């Protein structure tokens, strides 16, 4: 019977590097809640996009412009927040932003 902790590749003389692995990197949102404001800003940007399209469809041009500005602020601000948090986590791990480790 095979040990449940081994993978199929373990049987082909492949040994994962468990001695240098400090954590499983389950996901940045689970490990670190500092990216939640970025996710909320993104969600508000999407809601504002829907409001902008609805206002434009009903002919409320002023409200459509205001909602479009809020949409741009929400999506751009949320994206910037998430990028900065991702860079912070990568820097804490000693990796560059483009290093694909973990995901």
PDB file of N, CA and C in Angstrom:
ATOM      1  N   UNK A   1       0.841  -1.173   0.000  1.00  0.00           N
ATOM      2  CA  UNK A   1       0.000   0.000   0.000  1.00  0.00           C
ATOM      3  C   UNK A   1       0.883   1.232   0.000  1.00  0.00           C
ATOM      4  N   UNK A   2       0.503   2.221  -0.787  1.00  0.00           N
ATOM      5  CA  UNK A   2       1.281   3.436  -0.951  1.00  0.00           C
ATOM      6  C   UNK A   2       0.948   4.427   0.153  1.00  0.00           C
ATOM      7  N   UNK A   3       1.962   5.178   0.602  1.00  0.00           N
ATOM      8  CA  UNK A   3       1.775   6.207   1.621  1.00  0.00           C
ATOM      9  C   UNK A   3       0.932   7.339   1.027  1.00  0.00           C
ATOM     10  N   UNK A   4      -0.151   7.783   1.719  1.00  0.00           N
ATOM     11  CA  UNK A   4      -1.006   8.827   1.142  1.00  0.00           C
ATOM     12  C   UNK A   4      -0.292  10.166   1.011  1.00  0.00           C
ATOM     13  N   UNK A   5       0.824  10.379   1.668  1.00  0.00           N
ATOM     14  CA  UNK A   5       1.544  11.646   1.570  1.00  0.00           C
ATOM     15  C   UNK A   5       2.439  11.752   0.357  1.00  0.00           C
ATOM     16  N   UNK A   6       2.574  10.663  -0.400  1.00  0.00           N
ATOM     17  CA  UNK A   6       3.435  10.698  -1.574  1.00  0.00           C
ATOM     18  C   UNK A   6       2.602  10.894  -2.820  1.00  0.00           C
ATOM     19  N   UNK A   7       3.213  11.475  -3.823  1.00  0.00           N
ATOM     20  CA  UNK A   7       2.516  11.660  -5.084  1.00  0.00           C
ATOM     21  C   UNK A   7       2.985  10.602  -6.067  1.00  0.00           C
ATOM     22  N   UNK A   8       2.375  10.618  -7.231  1.00  0.00           N
ATOM     23  CA  UNK A   8       2.768   9.663  -8.258  1.00  0.00           C
ATOM     24  C   UNK A   8       4.212   9.901  -8.708  1.00  0.00           C
ATOM     25  N   UNK A   9       4.647  11.166  -8.661  1.00  0.00           N
ATOM     26  CA  UNK A   9       5.990  11.477  -9.104  1.00  0.00           C
ATOM     27  C   UNK A   9       7.040  11.038  -8.090  1.00  0.00           C
ATOM     28  N   UNK A  10       6.645  10.807  -6.829  1.00  0.00           N
ATOM     29  CA  UNK A  10       7.589  10.329  -5.822  1.00  0.00           C
ATOM     30  C   UNK A  10       8.102   8.936  -6.177  1.00  0.00           C
ATOM     31  N   UNK A  11       7.283   8.160  -6.854  1.00  0.00           N
ATOM     32  CA  UNK A  11       7.673   6.801  -7.199  1.00  0.00           C
ATOM     33  C   UNK A  11       8.687   6.752  -8.335  1.00  0.00           C
ATOM     34  N   UNK A  12       8.826   7.848  -9.087  1.00  0.00           N
ATOM     35  CA  UNK A  12       9.773   7.909 -10.198  1.00  0.00           C
ATOM     36  C   UNK A  12      11.091   8.550  -9.763  1.00  0.00           C
ATOM     37  N   UNK A  13      11.495   8.350  -8.531  1.00  0.00           N
ATOM     38  CA  UNK A  13      12.718   8.912  -7.959  1.00  0.00           C
ATOM     39  C   UNK A  13      12.718  10.434  -7.954  1.00  0.00           C
ATOM     40  N   UNK A  14      11.563  11.023  -7.859  1.00  0.00           N
ATOM     41  CA  UNK A  14      11.439  12.472  -7.723  1.00  0.00           C
ATOM     42  C   UNK A  14      11.100  12.768  -6.280  1.00  0.00           C
ATOM     43  N   UNK A  15      11.940  13.530  -5.626  1.00  0.00           N
ATOM     44  CA  UNK A  15      11.695  13.871  -4.223  1.00  0.00           C
ATOM     45  C   UNK A  15      11.442  15.375  -4.122  1.00  0.00           C
ATOM     46  N   UNK A  16      10.252  15.780  -3.695  1.00  0.00           N
ATOM     47  CA  UNK A  16      10.008  17.206  -3.530  1.00  0.00           C
ATOM     48  C   UNK A  16      10.904  17.784  -2.441  1.00  0.00           C
ATOM     49  N   UNK A  17      11.233  19.018  -2.575  1.00  0.00           N
ATOM     50  CA  UNK A  17      12.141  19.680  -1.645  1.00  0.00           C
ATOM     51  C   UNK A  17      11.351  20.137  -0.417  1.00  0.00           C
ATOM     52  N   UNK A  18      11.140  19.235   0.506  1.00  0.00           N
ATOM     53  CA  UNK A  18      10.382  19.571   1.710  1.00  0.00           C
ATOM     54  C   UNK A  18      11.256  20.194   2.791  1.00  0.00           C
ATOM     55  N   UNK A  19      12.568  20.091   2.667  1.00  0.00           N
ATOM     56  CA  UNK A  19      13.452  20.642   3.708  1.00  0.00           C
ATOM     57  C   UNK A  19      13.499  22.156   3.669  1.00  0.00           C
ATOM     58  N   UNK A  20      13.315  22.780   2.496  1.00  0.00           N
ATOM     59  CA  UNK A  20      13.351  24.229   2.399  1.00  0.00           C
ATOM     60  C   UNK A  20      11.971  24.858   2.308  1.00  0.00           C
ATOM     61  N   UNK A  21      10.929  24.062   2.301  1.00  0.00           N
ATOM     62  CA  UNK A  21       9.581  24.592   2.212  1.00  0.00           C
ATOM     63  C   UNK A  21       9.127  25.014   3.600  1.00  0.00           C
ATOM     64  N   UNK A  22       8.784  26.298   3.733  1.00  0.00           N
ATOM     65  CA  UNK A  22       8.373  26.801   5.045  1.00  0.00           C
ATOM     66  C   UNK A  22       6.870  26.785   5.232  1.00  0.00           C
ATOM     67  N   UNK A  23       6.126  26.865   4.142  1.00  0.00           N
ATOM     68  CA  UNK A  23       4.670  26.810   4.229  1.00  0.00           C
ATOM     69  C   UNK A  23       4.119  26.365   2.898  1.00  0.00           C
ATOM     70  N   UNK A  24       2.852  26.022   2.877  1.00  0.00           N
ATOM     71  CA  UNK A  24       2.264  25.445   1.675  1.00  0.00           C
ATOM     72  C   UNK A  24       1.805  26.488   0.670  1.00  0.00           C
ATOM     73  N   UNK A  25       1.772  27.769   1.019  1.00  0.00           N
ATOM     74  CA  UNK A  25       1.329  28.856   0.146  1.00  0.00           C
ATOM     75  C   UNK A  25      -0.092  28.586  -0.351  1.00  0.00           C
ATOM     76  N   UNK A  26      -1.001  28.429   0.601  1.00  0.00           N
ATOM     77  CA  UNK A  26      -2.373  28.053   0.275  1.00  0.00           C
ATOM     78  C   UNK A  26      -3.098  29.124  -0.517  1.00  0.00           C
ATOM     79  N   UNK A  27      -2.726  30.348  -0.356  1.00  0.00           N
ATOM     80  CA  UNK A  27      -3.367  31.449  -1.077  1.00  0.00           C
ATOM     81  C   UNK A  27      -3.149  32.728  -0.313  1.00  0.00           C
ATOM     82  N   UNK A  28      -2.957  33.796  -1.054  1.00  0.00           N
ATOM     83  CA  UNK A  28      -2.646  35.056  -0.393  1.00  0.00           C
ATOM     84  C   UNK A  28      -3.823  35.589   0.413  1.00  0.00           C
ATOM     85  N   UNK A  29      -5.025  35.368  -0.067  1.00  0.00           N
ATOM     86  CA  UNK A  29      -6.187  35.861   0.665  1.00  0.00           C
ATOM     87  C   UNK A  29      -6.414  35.145   1.976  1.00  0.00           C
ATOM     88  N   UNK A  30      -6.008  33.895   2.048  1.00  0.00           N
ATOM     89  CA  UNK A  30      -6.166  33.128   3.268  1.00  0.00           C
ATOM     90  C   UNK A  30      -5.063  33.480   4.258  1.00  0.00           C
ATOM     91  N   UNK A  31      -3.846  33.644   3.757  1.00  0.00           N
ATOM     92  CA  UNK A  31      -2.711  33.932   4.623  1.00  0.00           C
ATOM     93  C   UNK A  31      -2.748  35.344   5.178  1.00  0.00           C
ATOM     94  N   UNK A  32      -3.167  36.275   4.352  1.00  0.00           N
ATOM     95  CA  UNK A  32      -2.984  37.673   4.669  1.00  0.00           C
ATOM     96  C   UNK A  32      -4.236  38.432   4.246  1.00  0.00           C
ATOM     97  N   UNK A  33      -4.927  39.038   5.184  1.00  0.00           N
ATOM     98  CA  UNK A  33      -6.168  39.739   4.878  1.00  0.00           C
ATOM     99  C   UNK A  33      -6.002  41.170   4.435  1.00  0.00           C
ATOM    100  N   UNK A  34      -4.781  41.610   4.173  1.00  0.00           N
ATOM    101  CA  UNK A  34      -4.567  42.995   3.789  1.00  0.00           C
ATOM    102  C   UNK A  34      -5.019  43.295   2.374  1.00  0.00           C
ATOM    103  N   UNK A  35      -5.342  42.296   1.574  1.00  0.00           N
ATOM    104  CA  UNK A  35      -5.800  42.551   0.215  1.00  0.00           C
ATOM    105  C   UNK A  35      -7.324  42.665   0.121  1.00  0.00           C
ATOM    106  N   UNK A  36      -8.032  42.515   1.218  1.00  0.00           N
ATOM    107  CA  UNK A  36      -9.493  42.590   1.204  1.00  0.00           C
ATOM    108  C   UNK A  36     -10.006  43.960   0.769  1.00  0.00           C
ATOM    109  N   UNK A  37      -9.390  45.090   1.176  1.00  0.00           N
ATOM    110  CA  UNK A  37      -9.865  46.380   0.649  1.00  0.00           C
ATOM    111  C   UNK A  37      -9.757  46.480  -0.874  1.00  0.00           C
ATOM    112  N   UNK A  38      -8.744  45.881  -1.459  1.00  0.00           N
ATOM    113  CA  UNK A  38      -8.623  45.880  -2.915  1.00  0.00           C
ATOM    114  C   UNK A  38      -9.740  45.095  -3.571  1.00  0.00           C
ATOM    115  N   UNK A  39     -10.105  43.976  -2.969  1.00  0.00           N
ATOM    116  CA  UNK A  39     -11.204  43.164  -3.509  1.00  0.00           C
ATOM    117  C   UNK A  39     -12.524  43.923  -3.380  1.00  0.00           C
ATOM    118  N   UNK A  40     -12.711  44.611  -2.262  1.00  0.00           N
ATOM    119  CA  UNK A  40     -13.934  45.393  -2.055  1.00  0.00           C
ATOM    120  C   UNK A  40     -13.998  46.549  -3.047  1.00  0.00           C
ATOM    121  N   UNK A  41     -12.861  47.233  -3.281  1.00  0.00           N
ATOM    122  CA  UNK A  41     -12.843  48.312  -4.268  1.00  0.00           C
ATOM    123  C   UNK A  41     -13.185  47.785  -5.659  1.00  0.00           C
ATOM    124  N   UNK A  42     -12.654  46.622  -5.998  1.00  0.00           N
ATOM    125  CA  UNK A  42     -12.970  46.018  -7.296  1.00  0.00           C
ATOM    126  C   UNK A  42     -14.462  45.724  -7.401  1.00  0.00           C
ATOM    127  N   UNK A  43     -15.036  45.164  -6.350  1.00  0.00           N
ATOM    128  CA  UNK A  43     -16.470  44.843  -6.369  1.00  0.00           C
ATOM    129  C   UNK A  43     -17.311  46.111  -6.496  1.00  0.00           C
ATOM    130  N   UNK A  44     -16.924  47.168  -5.776  1.00  0.00           N
ATOM    131  CA  UNK A  44     -17.656  48.430  -5.889  1.00  0.00           C
ATOM    132  C   UNK A  44     -17.506  49.033  -7.278  1.00  0.00           C
ATOM    133  N   UNK A  45     -16.348  48.845  -7.897  1.00  0.00           N
ATOM    134  CA  UNK A  45     -16.163  49.310  -9.266  1.00  0.00           C
ATOM    135  C   UNK A  45     -17.076  48.589 -10.243  1.00  0.00           C
ATOM    136  N   UNK A  46     -17.252  47.298 -10.042  1.00  0.00           N
ATOM    137  CA  UNK A  46     -18.150  46.530 -10.908  1.00  0.00           C
ATOM    138  C   UNK A  46     -19.602  46.961 -10.692  1.00  0.00           C
ATOM    139  N   UNK A  47     -19.984  47.215  -9.441  1.00  0.00           N
ATOM    140  CA  UNK A  47     -21.336  47.694  -9.154  1.00  0.00           C
ATOM    141  C   UNK A  47     -21.539  49.064  -9.790  1.00  0.00           C
ATOM    142  N   UNK A  48     -20.526  49.933  -9.707  1.00  0.00           N
ATOM    143  CA  UNK A  48     -20.622  51.254 -10.327  1.00  0.00           C
ATOM    144  C   UNK A  48     -20.708  51.142 -11.847  1.00  0.00           C
ATOM    145  N   UNK A  49     -20.050  50.161 -12.433  1.00  0.00           N
ATOM    146  CA  UNK A  49     -20.162  49.936 -13.873  1.00  0.00           C
ATOM    147  C   UNK A  49     -21.603  49.601 -14.246  1.00  0.00           C
ATOM    148  N   UNK A  50     -22.218  48.728 -13.459  1.00  0.00           N
ATOM    149  CA  UNK A  50     -23.628  48.408 -13.700  1.00  0.00           C
ATOM    150  C   UNK A  50     -24.522  49.623 -13.533  1.00  0.00           C
ATOM    151  N   UNK A  51     -24.233  50.436 -12.515  1.00  0.00           N
ATOM    152  CA  UNK A  51     -25.011  51.665 -12.312  1.00  0.00           C
ATOM    153  C   UNK A  51     -24.823  52.651 -13.448  1.00  0.00           C
ATOM    154  N   UNK A  52     -23.598  52.743 -13.944  1.00  0.00           N
ATOM    155  CA  UNK A  52     -23.320  53.653 -15.056  1.00  0.00           C
ATOM    156  C   UNK A  52     -24.055  53.216 -16.316  1.00  0.00           C
ATOM    157  N   UNK A  53     -24.023  51.926 -16.616  1.00  0.00           N
ATOM    158  CA  UNK A  53     -24.725  51.436 -17.801  1.00  0.00           C
ATOM    159  C   UNK A  53     -26.235  51.598 -17.671  1.00  0.00           C
ATOM    160  N   UNK A  54     -26.757  51.362 -16.479  1.00  0.00           N
ATOM    161  CA  UNK A  54     -28.194  51.527 -16.248  1.00  0.00           C
ATOM    162  C   UNK A  54     -28.601  52.984 -16.377  1.00  0.00           C
ATOM    163  N   UNK A  55     -27.817  53.886 -15.777  1.00  0.00           N
ATOM    164  CA  UNK A  55     -28.132  55.313 -15.861  1.00  0.00           C
ATOM    165  C   UNK A  55     -28.048  55.806 -17.298  1.00  0.00           C
ATOM    166  N   UNK A  56     -27.060  55.328 -18.041  1.00  0.00           N
ATOM    167  CA  UNK A  56     -26.941  55.738 -19.441  1.00  0.00           C
ATOM    168  C   UNK A  56     -28.112  55.209 -20.269  1.00  0.00           C
ATOM    169  N   UNK A  57     -28.558  54.003 -19.962  1.00  0.00           N
ATOM    170  CA  UNK A  57     -29.671  53.423 -20.711  1.00  0.00           C
ATOM    171  C   UNK A  57     -30.970  54.179 -20.472  1.00  0.00           C
ATOM    172  N   UNK A  58     -31.158  54.709 -19.262  1.00  0.00           N
ATOM    173  CA  UNK A  58     -32.375  55.452 -18.948  1.00  0.00           C
ATOM    174  C   UNK A  58     -32.252  56.937 -19.270  1.00  0.00           C
ATOM    175  N   UNK A  59     -31.087  57.369 -19.760  1.00  0.00           N
ATOM    176  CA  UNK A  59     -30.930  58.758 -20.179  1.00  0.00           C
ATOM    177  C   UNK A  59     -30.483  59.712 -19.082  1.00  0.00           C
ATOM    178  N   UNK A  60     -30.036  59.212 -17.945  1.00  0.00           N
ATOM    179  CA  UNK A  60     -29.526  60.068 -16.872  1.00  0.00           C
ATOM    180  C   UNK A  60     -28.027  60.264 -17.077  1.00  0.00           C
ATOM    181  N   UNK A  61     -27.677  61.209 -17.960  1.00  0.00           N
ATOM    182  CA  UNK A  61     -26.285  61.377 -18.348  1.00  0.00           C
ATOM    183  C   UNK A  61     -25.393  61.811 -17.189  1.00  0.00           C
ATOM    184  N   UNK A  62     -25.872  62.668 -16.333  1.00  0.00           N
ATOM    185  CA  UNK A  62     -25.083  63.121 -15.191  1.00  0.00           C
ATOM    186  C   UNK A  62     -24.732  61.973 -14.252  1.00  0.00           C
ATOM    187  N   UNK A  63     -25.732  61.167 -13.935  1.00  0.00           N
ATOM    188  CA  UNK A  63     -25.491  60.013 -13.059  1.00  0.00           C
ATOM    189  C   UNK A  63     -24.603  58.979 -13.737  1.00  0.00           C
ATOM    190  N   UNK A  64     -24.736  58.849 -15.049  1.00  0.00           N
ATOM    191  CA  UNK A  64     -23.899  57.897 -15.779  1.00  0.00           C
ATOM    192  C   UNK A  64     -22.434  58.314 -15.706  1.00  0.00           C
ATOM    193  N   UNK A  65     -22.160  59.608 -15.818  1.00  0.00           N
ATOM    194  CA  UNK A  65     -20.779  60.092 -15.741  1.00  0.00           C
ATOM    195  C   UNK A  65     -20.221  59.906 -14.334  1.00  0.00           C
ATOM    196  N   UNK A  66     -21.020  60.229 -13.333  1.00  0.00           N
ATOM    197  CA  UNK A  66     -20.575  60.057 -11.940  1.00  0.00           C
ATOM    198  C   UNK A  66     -20.286  58.586 -11.647  1.00  0.00           C
ATOM    199  N   UNK A  67     -21.176  57.704 -12.079  1.00  0.00           N
ATOM    200  CA  UNK A  67     -20.963  56.272 -11.844  1.00  0.00           C
ATOM    201  C   UNK A  67     -19.762  55.752 -12.630  1.00  0.00           C
ATOM    202  N   UNK A  68     -19.535  56.284 -13.834  1.00  0.00           N
ATOM    203  CA  UNK A  68     -18.370  55.861 -14.617  1.00  0.00           C
ATOM    204  C   UNK A  68     -17.068  56.290 -13.935  1.00  0.00           C
ATOM    205  N   UNK A  69     -17.057  57.478 -13.364  1.00  0.00           N
ATOM    206  CA  UNK A  69     -15.872  57.937 -12.624  1.00  0.00           C
ATOM    207  C   UNK A  69     -15.644  57.057 -11.406  1.00  0.00           C
ATOM    208  N   UNK A  70     -16.711  56.741 -10.671  1.00  0.00           N
ATOM    209  CA  UNK A  70     -16.587  55.848  -9.515  1.00  0.00           C
ATOM    210  C   UNK A  70     -16.138  54.451  -9.934  1.00  0.00           C
ATOM    211  N   UNK A  71     -16.601  54.005 -11.084  1.00  0.00           N
ATOM    212  CA  UNK A  71     -16.179  52.705 -11.606  1.00  0.00           C
ATOM    213  C   UNK A  71     -14.681  52.701 -11.883  1.00  0.00           C
ATOM    214  N   UNK A  72     -14.193  53.745 -12.539  1.00  0.00           N
ATOM    215  CA  UNK A  72     -12.764  53.823 -12.850  1.00  0.00           C
ATOM    216  C   UNK A  72     -11.928  53.897 -11.579  1.00  0.00           C
ATOM    217  N   UNK A  73     -12.376  54.685 -10.614  1.00  0.00           N
ATOM    218  CA  UNK A  73     -11.645  54.786  -9.345  1.00  0.00           C
ATOM    219  C   UNK A  73     -11.635  53.442  -8.630  1.00  0.00           C
ATOM    220  N   UNK A  74     -12.769  52.763  -8.595  1.00  0.00           N
ATOM    221  CA  UNK A  74     -12.856  51.480  -7.901  1.00  0.00           C
ATOM    222  C   UNK A  74     -11.994  50.406  -8.543  1.00  0.00           C
ATOM    223  N   UNK A  75     -12.075  50.285  -9.854  1.00  0.00           N
ATOM    224  CA  UNK A  75     -11.323  49.223 -10.521  1.00  0.00           C
ATOM    225  C   UNK A  75      -9.834  49.527 -10.536  1.00  0.00           C
ATOM    226  N   UNK A  76      -9.462  50.766 -10.845  1.00  0.00           N
ATOM    227  CA  UNK A  76      -8.034  51.109 -10.856  1.00  0.00           C
ATOM    228  C   UNK A  76      -7.439  51.091  -9.447  1.00  0.00           C
ATOM    229  N   UNK A  77      -8.197  51.624  -8.485  1.00  0.00           N
ATOM    230  CA  UNK A  77      -7.714  51.613  -7.099  1.00  0.00           C
ATOM    231  C   UNK A  77      -7.615  50.206  -6.537  1.00  0.00           C
ATOM    232  N   UNK A  78      -8.604  49.373  -6.830  1.00  0.00           N
ATOM    233  CA  UNK A  78      -8.565  47.986  -6.374  1.00  0.00           C
ATOM    234  C   UNK A  78      -7.438  47.207  -7.017  1.00  0.00           C
ATOM    235  N   UNK A  79      -7.212  47.445  -8.297  1.00  0.00           N
ATOM    236  CA  UNK A  79      -6.106  46.760  -8.989  1.00  0.00           C
ATOM    237  C   UNK A  79      -4.763  47.178  -8.412  1.00  0.00           C
ATOM    238  N   UNK A  80      -4.606  48.481  -8.166  1.00  0.00           N
ATOM    239  CA  UNK A  80      -3.352  48.971  -7.584  1.00  0.00           C
ATOM    240  C   UNK A  80      -3.138  48.396  -6.187  1.00  0.00           C
ATOM    241  N   UNK A  81      -4.193  48.352  -5.401  1.00  0.00           N
ATOM    242  CA  UNK A  81      -4.089  47.797  -4.048  1.00  0.00           C
ATOM    243  C   UNK A  81      -3.664  46.324  -4.095  1.00  0.00           C
ATOM    244  N   UNK A  82      -4.325  45.553  -4.953  1.00  0.00           N
ATOM    245  CA  UNK A  82      -4.000  44.133  -5.055  1.00  0.00           C
ATOM    246  C   UNK A  82      -2.579  43.918  -5.564  1.00  0.00           C
ATOM    247  N   UNK A  83      -2.135  44.733  -6.511  1.00  0.00           N
ATOM    248  CA  UNK A  83      -0.772  44.612  -7.020  1.00  0.00           C
ATOM    249  C   UNK A  83       0.245  44.929  -5.930  1.00  0.00           C
ATOM    250  N   UNK A  84       0.010  45.995  -5.189  1.00  0.00           N
ATOM    251  CA  UNK A  84       0.941  46.353  -4.114  1.00  0.00           C
ATOM    252  C   UNK A  84       0.984  45.290  -3.023  1.00  0.00           C
ATOM    253  N   UNK A  85      -0.159  44.731  -2.673  1.00  0.00           N
ATOM    254  CA  UNK A  85      -0.178  43.679  -1.660  1.00  0.00           C
ATOM    255  C   UNK A  85       0.514  42.412  -2.161  1.00  0.00           C
ATOM    256  N   UNK A  86       0.320  42.106  -3.438  1.00  0.00           N
ATOM    257  CA  UNK A  86       0.986  40.936  -4.009  1.00  0.00           C
ATOM    258  C   UNK A  86       2.498  41.146  -4.007  1.00  0.00           C
ATOM    259  N   UNK A  87       2.937  42.358  -4.337  1.00  0.00           N
ATOM    260  CA  UNK A  87       4.370  42.667  -4.308  1.00  0.00           C
ATOM    261  C   UNK A  87       4.916  42.581  -2.878  1.00  0.00           C
ATOM    262  N   UNK A  88       4.127  43.036  -1.904  1.00  0.00           N
ATOM    263  CA  UNK A  88       4.570  42.993  -0.513  1.00  0.00           C
ATOM    264  C   UNK A  88       4.744  41.551  -0.043  1.00  0.00           C
ATOM    265  N   UNK A  89       3.808  40.687  -0.405  1.00  0.00           N
ATOM    266  CA  UNK A  89       3.902  39.286  -0.007  1.00  0.00           C
ATOM    267  C   UNK A  89       5.084  38.614  -0.689  1.00  0.00           C
ATOM    268  N   UNK A  90       5.280  38.888  -1.972  1.00  0.00           N
ATOM    269  CA  UNK A  90       6.420  38.310  -2.682  1.00  0.00           C
ATOM    270  C   UNK A  90       7.739  38.797  -2.085  1.00  0.00           C
ATOM    271  N   UNK A  91       7.810  40.076  -1.728  1.00  0.00           N
ATOM    272  CA  UNK A  91       9.038  40.614  -1.135  1.00  0.00           C
ATOM    273  C   UNK A  91       9.300  39.981   0.229  1.00  0.00           C
ATOM    274  N   UNK A  92       8.247  39.719   0.974  1.00  0.00           N
ATOM    275  CA  UNK A  92       8.411  39.079   2.281  1.00  0.00           C
ATOM    276  C   UNK A  92       8.941  37.660   2.136  1.00  0.00           C
ATOM    277  N   UNK A  93       8.599  37.013   1.027  1.00  0.00           N
ATOM    278  CA  UNK A  93       9.083  35.663   0.763  1.00  0.00           C
ATOM    279  C   UNK A  93      10.456  35.668   0.095  1.00  0.00           C
ATOM    280  N   UNK A  94      10.956  36.849  -0.262  1.00  0.00           N
ATOM    281  CA  UNK A  94      12.257  36.942  -0.916  1.00  0.00           C
ATOM    282  C   UNK A  94      12.207  36.651  -2.399  1.00  0.00           C
ATOM    283  N   UNK A  95      11.045  36.841  -3.018  1.00  0.00           N
ATOM    284  CA  UNK A  95      10.870  36.559  -4.437  1.00  0.00           C
ATOM    285  C   UNK A  95      10.568  37.841  -5.193  1.00  0.00           C
ATOM    286  N   UNK A  96      10.829  37.830  -6.478  1.00  0.00           N
ATOM    287  CA  UNK A  96      10.428  38.954  -7.335  1.00  0.00           C
ATOM    288  C   UNK A  96       8.960  38.783  -7.712  1.00  0.00           C
ATOM    289  N   UNK A  97       8.365  39.865  -8.222  1.00  0.00           N
ATOM    290  CA  UNK A  97       6.950  39.827  -8.554  1.00  0.00           C
ATOM    291  C   UNK A  97       6.645  38.820  -9.655  1.00  0.00           C
ATOM    292  N   UNK A  98       7.578  38.651 -10.583  1.00  0.00           N
ATOM    293  CA  UNK A  98       7.336  37.744 -11.714  1.00  0.00           C
ATOM    294  C   UNK A  98       7.677  36.278 -11.404  1.00  0.00           C
ATOM    295  N   UNK A  99       8.207  35.965 -10.229  1.00  0.00           N
ATOM    296  CA  UNK A  99       8.508  34.583  -9.888  1.00  0.00           C
ATOM    297  C   UNK A  99       7.211  33.800  -9.728  1.00  0.00           C
ATOM    298  N   UNK A 100       7.037  32.687 -10.437  1.00  0.00           N
ATOM    299  CA  UNK A 100       5.762  31.976 -10.432  1.00  0.00           C
ATOM    300  C   UNK A 100       5.603  30.993  -9.272  1.00  0.00           C
ATOM    301  N   UNK A 101       6.383  31.080  -8.255  1.00  0.00           N
ATOM    302  CA  UNK A 101       6.337  30.083  -7.190  1.00  0.00           C
ATOM    303  C   UNK A 101       5.025  30.110  -6.431  1.00  0.00           C
ATOM    304  N   UNK A 102       4.395  28.987  -6.314  1.00  0.00           N
ATOM    305  CA  UNK A 102       3.211  28.846  -5.484  1.00  0.00           C
ATOM    306  C   UNK A 102       1.897  28.954  -6.223  1.00  0.00           C
ATOM    307  N   UNK A 103       1.852  29.607  -7.365  1.00  0.00           N
ATOM    308  CA  UNK A 103       0.575  29.756  -8.070  1.00  0.00           C
ATOM    309  C   UNK A 103       0.763  29.497  -9.524  1.00  0.00           C
TER     310      UNK A 103
END
